């Protein structure tokens, strides 16, 4: 079980940080263009599921699973 407020322990937060590196602090001409940029960065992740598992498998979740 995760502590009450622990975004750093949530695997999706690591993933979202990577997407924000390419999308934050930009003025997008439309939401459709932002959608295209995000989709382009997601394609690499969709193609390699092991890469996603590696990102999500690191840290607290793995350490707690190994401790039991």
PDB file of N, CA and C in Angstrom:
ATOM      1  N   UNK A   1       0.836  -1.173   0.000  1.00  0.00           N
ATOM      2  CA  UNK A   1       0.000   0.000   0.000  1.00  0.00           C
ATOM      3  C   UNK A   1       0.888   1.246   0.000  1.00  0.00           C
ATOM      4  N   UNK A   2       0.510   2.234  -0.817  1.00  0.00           N
ATOM      5  CA  UNK A   2       1.268   3.475  -0.900  1.00  0.00           C
ATOM      6  C   UNK A   2       0.916   4.412   0.241  1.00  0.00           C
ATOM      7  N   UNK A   3       1.857   5.232   0.666  1.00  0.00           N
ATOM      8  CA  UNK A   3       1.523   6.274   1.637  1.00  0.00           C
ATOM      9  C   UNK A   3       0.444   7.205   1.074  1.00  0.00           C
ATOM     10  N   UNK A   4      -0.201   7.980   1.941  1.00  0.00           N
ATOM     11  CA  UNK A   4      -1.352   8.798   1.551  1.00  0.00           C
ATOM     12  C   UNK A   4      -1.076   9.689   0.335  1.00  0.00           C
ATOM     13  N   UNK A   5      -0.019  10.439   0.332  1.00  0.00           N
ATOM     14  CA  UNK A   5       0.311  11.292  -0.809  1.00  0.00           C
ATOM     15  C   UNK A   5       1.728  10.973  -1.233  1.00  0.00           C
ATOM     16  N   UNK A   6       1.861  10.286  -2.354  1.00  0.00           N
ATOM     17  CA  UNK A   6       3.183   9.852  -2.783  1.00  0.00           C
ATOM     18  C   UNK A   6       3.279   9.785  -4.304  1.00  0.00           C
ATOM     19  N   UNK A   7       3.155  10.905  -5.009  1.00  0.00           N
ATOM     20  CA  UNK A   7       3.208  10.862  -6.465  1.00  0.00           C
ATOM     21  C   UNK A   7       4.532  10.321  -6.994  1.00  0.00           C
ATOM     22  N   UNK A   8       5.615  10.520  -6.251  1.00  0.00           N
ATOM     23  CA  UNK A   8       6.905  10.016  -6.712  1.00  0.00           C
ATOM     24  C   UNK A   8       6.963   8.492  -6.724  1.00  0.00           C
ATOM     25  N   UNK A   9       6.035   7.845  -6.057  1.00  0.00           N
ATOM     26  CA  UNK A   9       6.002   6.381  -6.021  1.00  0.00           C
ATOM     27  C   UNK A   9       5.038   5.801  -7.051  1.00  0.00           C
ATOM     28  N   UNK A  10       4.294   6.644  -7.729  1.00  0.00           N
ATOM     29  CA  UNK A  10       3.331   6.193  -8.726  1.00  0.00           C
ATOM     30  C   UNK A  10       4.052   6.096 -10.074  1.00  0.00           C
ATOM     31  N   UNK A  11       4.111   4.916 -10.684  1.00  0.00           N
ATOM     32  CA  UNK A  11       4.853   4.752 -11.941  1.00  0.00           C
ATOM     33  C   UNK A  11       4.401   5.693 -13.053  1.00  0.00           C
ATOM     34  N   UNK A  12       3.122   6.043 -13.116  1.00  0.00           N
ATOM     35  CA  UNK A  12       2.659   6.919 -14.198  1.00  0.00           C
ATOM     36  C   UNK A  12       3.261   8.308 -14.072  1.00  0.00           C
ATOM     37  N   UNK A  13       3.614   8.722 -12.861  1.00  0.00           N
ATOM     38  CA  UNK A  13       4.231  10.036 -12.686  1.00  0.00           C
ATOM     39  C   UNK A  13       5.594  10.106 -13.372  1.00  0.00           C
ATOM     40  N   UNK A  14       6.351   9.026 -13.347  1.00  0.00           N
ATOM     41  CA  UNK A  14       7.641   8.988 -14.044  1.00  0.00           C
ATOM     42  C   UNK A  14       7.429   9.132 -15.543  1.00  0.00           C
ATOM     43  N   UNK A  15       6.439   8.436 -16.037  1.00  0.00           N
ATOM     44  CA  UNK A  15       6.123   8.476 -17.462  1.00  0.00           C
ATOM     45  C   UNK A  15       5.660   9.879 -17.861  1.00  0.00           C
ATOM     46  N   UNK A  16       4.768  10.471 -17.062  1.00  0.00           N
ATOM     47  CA  UNK A  16       4.260  11.799 -17.365  1.00  0.00           C
ATOM     48  C   UNK A  16       5.386  12.837 -17.377  1.00  0.00           C
ATOM     49  N   UNK A  17       6.368  12.695 -16.494  1.00  0.00           N
ATOM     50  CA  UNK A  17       7.519  13.600 -16.495  1.00  0.00           C
ATOM     51  C   UNK A  17       8.241  13.570 -17.842  1.00  0.00           C
ATOM     52  N   UNK A  18       8.365  12.384 -18.420  1.00  0.00           N
ATOM     53  CA  UNK A  18       9.035  12.267 -19.718  1.00  0.00           C
ATOM     54  C   UNK A  18       8.242  12.965 -20.821  1.00  0.00           C
ATOM     55  N   UNK A  19       6.928  12.837 -20.795  1.00  0.00           N
ATOM     56  CA  UNK A  19       6.087  13.497 -21.796  1.00  0.00           C
ATOM     57  C   UNK A  19       6.144  15.014 -21.608  1.00  0.00           C
ATOM     58  N   UNK A  20       6.102  15.464 -20.381  1.00  0.00           N
ATOM     59  CA  UNK A  20       6.139  16.901 -20.113  1.00  0.00           C
ATOM     60  C   UNK A  20       7.443  17.543 -20.583  1.00  0.00           C
ATOM     61  N   UNK A  21       8.522  16.793 -20.605  1.00  0.00           N
ATOM     62  CA  UNK A  21       9.789  17.331 -21.105  1.00  0.00           C
ATOM     63  C   UNK A  21       9.642  17.837 -22.538  1.00  0.00           C
ATOM     64  N   UNK A  22       8.739  17.228 -23.307  1.00  0.00           N
ATOM     65  CA  UNK A  22       8.556  17.590 -24.713  1.00  0.00           C
ATOM     66  C   UNK A  22       7.360  18.507 -24.956  1.00  0.00           C
ATOM     67  N   UNK A  23       6.519  18.692 -23.963  1.00  0.00           N
ATOM     68  CA  UNK A  23       5.284  19.450 -24.205  1.00  0.00           C
ATOM     69  C   UNK A  23       5.135  20.703 -23.343  1.00  0.00           C
ATOM     70  N   UNK A  24       5.783  20.751 -22.207  1.00  0.00           N
ATOM     71  CA  UNK A  24       5.601  21.877 -21.286  1.00  0.00           C
ATOM     72  C   UNK A  24       6.239  23.154 -21.835  1.00  0.00           C
ATOM     73  N   UNK A  25       5.692  24.272 -21.413  1.00  0.00           N
ATOM     74  CA  UNK A  25       6.225  25.596 -21.752  1.00  0.00           C
ATOM     75  C   UNK A  25       6.260  25.865 -23.254  1.00  0.00           C
ATOM     76  N   UNK A  26       5.312  25.328 -23.966  1.00  0.00           N
ATOM     77  CA  UNK A  26       5.159  25.592 -25.393  1.00  0.00           C
ATOM     78  C   UNK A  26       3.764  26.128 -25.640  1.00  0.00           C
ATOM     79  N   UNK A  27       3.658  26.979 -26.627  1.00  0.00           N
ATOM     80  CA  UNK A  27       2.351  27.468 -27.048  1.00  0.00           C
ATOM     81  C   UNK A  27       1.942  26.669 -28.276  1.00  0.00           C
ATOM     82  N   UNK A  28       0.926  25.846 -28.123  1.00  0.00           N
ATOM     83  CA  UNK A  28       0.486  24.970 -29.210  1.00  0.00           C
ATOM     84  C   UNK A  28      -0.614  25.666 -30.003  1.00  0.00           C
ATOM     85  N   UNK A  29      -0.543  25.598 -31.334  1.00  0.00           N
ATOM     86  CA  UNK A  29      -1.552  26.278 -32.154  1.00  0.00           C
ATOM     87  C   UNK A  29      -2.959  25.698 -31.974  1.00  0.00           C
ATOM     88  N   UNK A  30      -3.019  24.428 -31.566  1.00  0.00           N
ATOM     89  CA  UNK A  30      -4.319  23.795 -31.339  1.00  0.00           C
ATOM     90  C   UNK A  30      -4.124  22.575 -30.445  1.00  0.00           C
ATOM     91  N   UNK A  31      -5.209  22.127 -29.868  1.00  0.00           N
ATOM     92  CA  UNK A  31      -5.152  20.921 -29.035  1.00  0.00           C
ATOM     93  C   UNK A  31      -4.850  19.700 -29.905  1.00  0.00           C
ATOM     94  N   UNK A  32      -5.247  19.753 -31.157  1.00  0.00           N
ATOM     95  CA  UNK A  32      -4.961  18.650 -32.080  1.00  0.00           C
ATOM     96  C   UNK A  32      -3.449  18.513 -32.306  1.00  0.00           C
ATOM     97  N   UNK A  33      -2.763  19.652 -32.418  1.00  0.00           N
ATOM     98  CA  UNK A  33      -1.305  19.606 -32.599  1.00  0.00           C
ATOM     99  C   UNK A  33      -0.623  19.051 -31.353  1.00  0.00           C
ATOM    100  N   UNK A  34      -1.066  19.458 -30.195  1.00  0.00           N
ATOM    101  CA  UNK A  34      -0.527  18.907 -28.955  1.00  0.00           C
ATOM    102  C   UNK A  34      -0.764  17.400 -28.909  1.00  0.00           C
ATOM    103  N   UNK A  35      -1.938  16.981 -29.314  1.00  0.00           N
ATOM    104  CA  UNK A  35      -2.265  15.553 -29.392  1.00  0.00           C
ATOM    105  C   UNK A  35      -1.286  14.814 -30.295  1.00  0.00           C
ATOM    106  N   UNK A  36      -0.962  15.407 -31.426  1.00  0.00           N
ATOM    107  CA  UNK A  36      -0.039  14.778 -32.375  1.00  0.00           C
ATOM    108  C   UNK A  36       1.364  14.635 -31.767  1.00  0.00           C
ATOM    109  N   UNK A  37       1.805  15.655 -31.077  1.00  0.00           N
ATOM    110  CA  UNK A  37       3.137  15.629 -30.464  1.00  0.00           C
ATOM    111  C   UNK A  37       3.203  14.566 -29.367  1.00  0.00           C
ATOM    112  N   UNK A  38       2.175  14.523 -28.524  1.00  0.00           N
ATOM    113  CA  UNK A  38       2.141  13.519 -27.454  1.00  0.00           C
ATOM    114  C   UNK A  38       2.101  12.117 -28.066  1.00  0.00           C
ATOM    115  N   UNK A  39       1.269  11.924 -29.084  1.00  0.00           N
ATOM    116  CA  UNK A  39       1.170  10.611 -29.739  1.00  0.00           C
ATOM    117  C   UNK A  39       2.510  10.192 -30.338  1.00  0.00           C
ATOM    118  N   UNK A  40       3.231  11.138 -30.918  1.00  0.00           N
ATOM    119  CA  UNK A  40       4.538  10.819 -31.502  1.00  0.00           C
ATOM    120  C   UNK A  40       5.509  10.317 -30.434  1.00  0.00           C
ATOM    121  N   UNK A  41       5.474  10.927 -29.263  1.00  0.00           N
ATOM    122  CA  UNK A  41       6.363  10.482 -28.181  1.00  0.00           C
ATOM    123  C   UNK A  41       5.887   9.163 -27.566  1.00  0.00           C
ATOM    124  N   UNK A  42       4.606   8.907 -27.619  1.00  0.00           N
ATOM    125  CA  UNK A  42       4.083   7.656 -27.079  1.00  0.00           C
ATOM    126  C   UNK A  42       4.374   6.458 -27.976  1.00  0.00           C
ATOM    127  N   UNK A  43       4.539   6.697 -29.266  1.00  0.00           N
ATOM    128  CA  UNK A  43       4.774   5.589 -30.201  1.00  0.00           C
ATOM    129  C   UNK A  43       5.971   4.743 -29.797  1.00  0.00           C
ATOM    130  N   UNK A  44       7.046   5.383 -29.349  1.00  0.00           N
ATOM    131  CA  UNK A  44       8.231   4.631 -28.916  1.00  0.00           C
ATOM    132  C   UNK A  44       7.899   3.708 -27.747  1.00  0.00           C
ATOM    133  N   UNK A  45       7.047   4.189 -26.849  1.00  0.00           N
ATOM    134  CA  UNK A  45       6.670   3.395 -25.679  1.00  0.00           C
ATOM    135  C   UNK A  45       5.727   2.271 -26.066  1.00  0.00           C
ATOM    136  N   UNK A  46       4.833   2.522 -27.013  1.00  0.00           N
ATOM    137  CA  UNK A  46       3.906   1.481 -27.458  1.00  0.00           C
ATOM    138  C   UNK A  46       4.652   0.344 -28.140  1.00  0.00           C
ATOM    139  N   UNK A  47       5.725   0.679 -28.831  1.00  0.00           N
ATOM    140  CA  UNK A  47       6.483  -0.315 -29.587  1.00  0.00           C
ATOM    141  C   UNK A  47       7.308  -1.232 -28.687  1.00  0.00           C
ATOM    142  N   UNK A  48       7.696  -0.771 -27.534  1.00  0.00           N
ATOM    143  CA  UNK A  48       8.585  -1.558 -26.669  1.00  0.00           C
ATOM    144  C   UNK A  48       8.015  -1.660 -25.255  1.00  0.00           C
ATOM    145  N   UNK A  49       7.226  -2.686 -25.022  1.00  0.00           N
ATOM    146  CA  UNK A  49       6.577  -2.876 -23.718  1.00  0.00           C
ATOM    147  C   UNK A  49       7.589  -3.113 -22.595  1.00  0.00           C
ATOM    148  N   UNK A  50       8.723  -3.688 -22.930  1.00  0.00           N
ATOM    149  CA  UNK A  50       9.755  -3.900 -21.907  1.00  0.00           C
ATOM    150  C   UNK A  50      10.276  -2.567 -21.366  1.00  0.00           C
ATOM    151  N   UNK A  51      10.317  -1.575 -22.215  1.00  0.00           N
ATOM    152  CA  UNK A  51      10.751  -0.240 -21.791  1.00  0.00           C
ATOM    153  C   UNK A  51       9.787   0.325 -20.756  1.00  0.00           C
ATOM    154  N   UNK A  52       8.487   0.126 -20.967  1.00  0.00           N
ATOM    155  CA  UNK A  52       7.475   0.579 -20.011  1.00  0.00           C
ATOM    156  C   UNK A  52       7.629  -0.168 -18.701  1.00  0.00           C
ATOM    157  N   UNK A  53       7.786  -1.474 -18.769  1.00  0.00           N
ATOM    158  CA  UNK A  53       7.962  -2.273 -17.556  1.00  0.00           C
ATOM    159  C   UNK A  53       9.194  -1.842 -16.775  1.00  0.00           C
ATOM    160  N   UNK A  54      10.254  -1.512 -17.485  1.00  0.00           N
ATOM    161  CA  UNK A  54      11.479  -1.080 -16.822  1.00  0.00           C
ATOM    162  C   UNK A  54      11.251   0.239 -16.089  1.00  0.00           C
ATOM    163  N   UNK A  55      10.544   1.167 -16.737  1.00  0.00           N
ATOM    164  CA  UNK A  55      10.261   2.452 -16.107  1.00  0.00           C
ATOM    165  C   UNK A  55       9.365   2.271 -14.891  1.00  0.00           C
ATOM    166  N   UNK A  56       8.321   1.468 -15.041  1.00  0.00           N
ATOM    167  CA  UNK A  56       7.361   1.272 -13.956  1.00  0.00           C
ATOM    168  C   UNK A  56       7.886   0.335 -12.887  1.00  0.00           C
ATOM    169  N   UNK A  57       8.816  -0.531 -13.227  1.00  0.00           N
ATOM    170  CA  UNK A  57       9.290  -1.529 -12.286  1.00  0.00           C
ATOM    171  C   UNK A  57      10.365  -1.060 -11.341  1.00  0.00           C
ATOM    172  N   UNK A  58      10.901   0.108 -11.579  1.00  0.00           N
ATOM    173  CA  UNK A  58      11.969   0.611 -10.717  1.00  0.00           C
ATOM    174  C   UNK A  58      11.395   1.270  -9.476  1.00  0.00           C
ATOM    175  N   UNK A  59      12.205   1.366  -8.464  1.00  0.00           N
ATOM    176  CA  UNK A  59      11.826   2.135  -7.301  1.00  0.00           C
ATOM    177  C   UNK A  59      11.091   1.353  -6.227  1.00  0.00           C
ATOM    178  N   UNK A  60      10.169   2.051  -5.572  1.00  0.00           N
ATOM    179  CA  UNK A  60       9.498   1.575  -4.386  1.00  0.00           C
ATOM    180  C   UNK A  60       8.750   0.251  -4.598  1.00  0.00           C
ATOM    181  N   UNK A  61       8.016   0.133  -5.682  1.00  0.00           N
ATOM    182  CA  UNK A  61       7.230  -1.078  -5.918  1.00  0.00           C
ATOM    183  C   UNK A  61       8.119  -2.312  -5.988  1.00  0.00           C
ATOM    184  N   UNK A  62       9.212  -2.215  -6.696  1.00  0.00           N
ATOM    185  CA  UNK A  62      10.120  -3.359  -6.817  1.00  0.00           C
ATOM    186  C   UNK A  62      10.781  -3.656  -5.477  1.00  0.00           C
ATOM    187  N   UNK A  63      11.224  -2.639  -4.778  1.00  0.00           N
ATOM    188  CA  UNK A  63      11.876  -2.828  -3.489  1.00  0.00           C
ATOM    189  C   UNK A  63      10.927  -3.485  -2.477  1.00  0.00           C
ATOM    190  N   UNK A  64       9.680  -3.067  -2.461  1.00  0.00           N
ATOM    191  CA  UNK A  64       8.740  -3.654  -1.508  1.00  0.00           C
ATOM    192  C   UNK A  64       8.396  -5.088  -1.893  1.00  0.00           C
ATOM    193  N   UNK A  65       8.344  -5.376  -3.179  1.00  0.00           N
ATOM    194  CA  UNK A  65       8.060  -6.740  -3.618  1.00  0.00           C
ATOM    195  C   UNK A  65       9.227  -7.673  -3.260  1.00  0.00           C
ATOM    196  N   UNK A  66      10.437  -7.201  -3.375  1.00  0.00           N
ATOM    197  CA  UNK A  66      11.600  -8.003  -3.045  1.00  0.00           C
ATOM    198  C   UNK A  66      11.772  -8.173  -1.534  1.00  0.00           C
ATOM    199  N   UNK A  67      11.218  -7.275  -0.767  1.00  0.00           N
ATOM    200  CA  UNK A  67      11.356  -7.337   0.693  1.00  0.00           C
ATOM    201  C   UNK A  67      10.497  -8.434   1.302  1.00  0.00           C
ATOM    202  N   UNK A  68       9.450  -8.838   0.616  1.00  0.00           N
ATOM    203  CA  UNK A  68       8.556  -9.846   1.210  1.00  0.00           C
ATOM    204  C   UNK A  68       8.927 -11.256   0.869  1.00  0.00           C
TER     205      UNK A  68
END
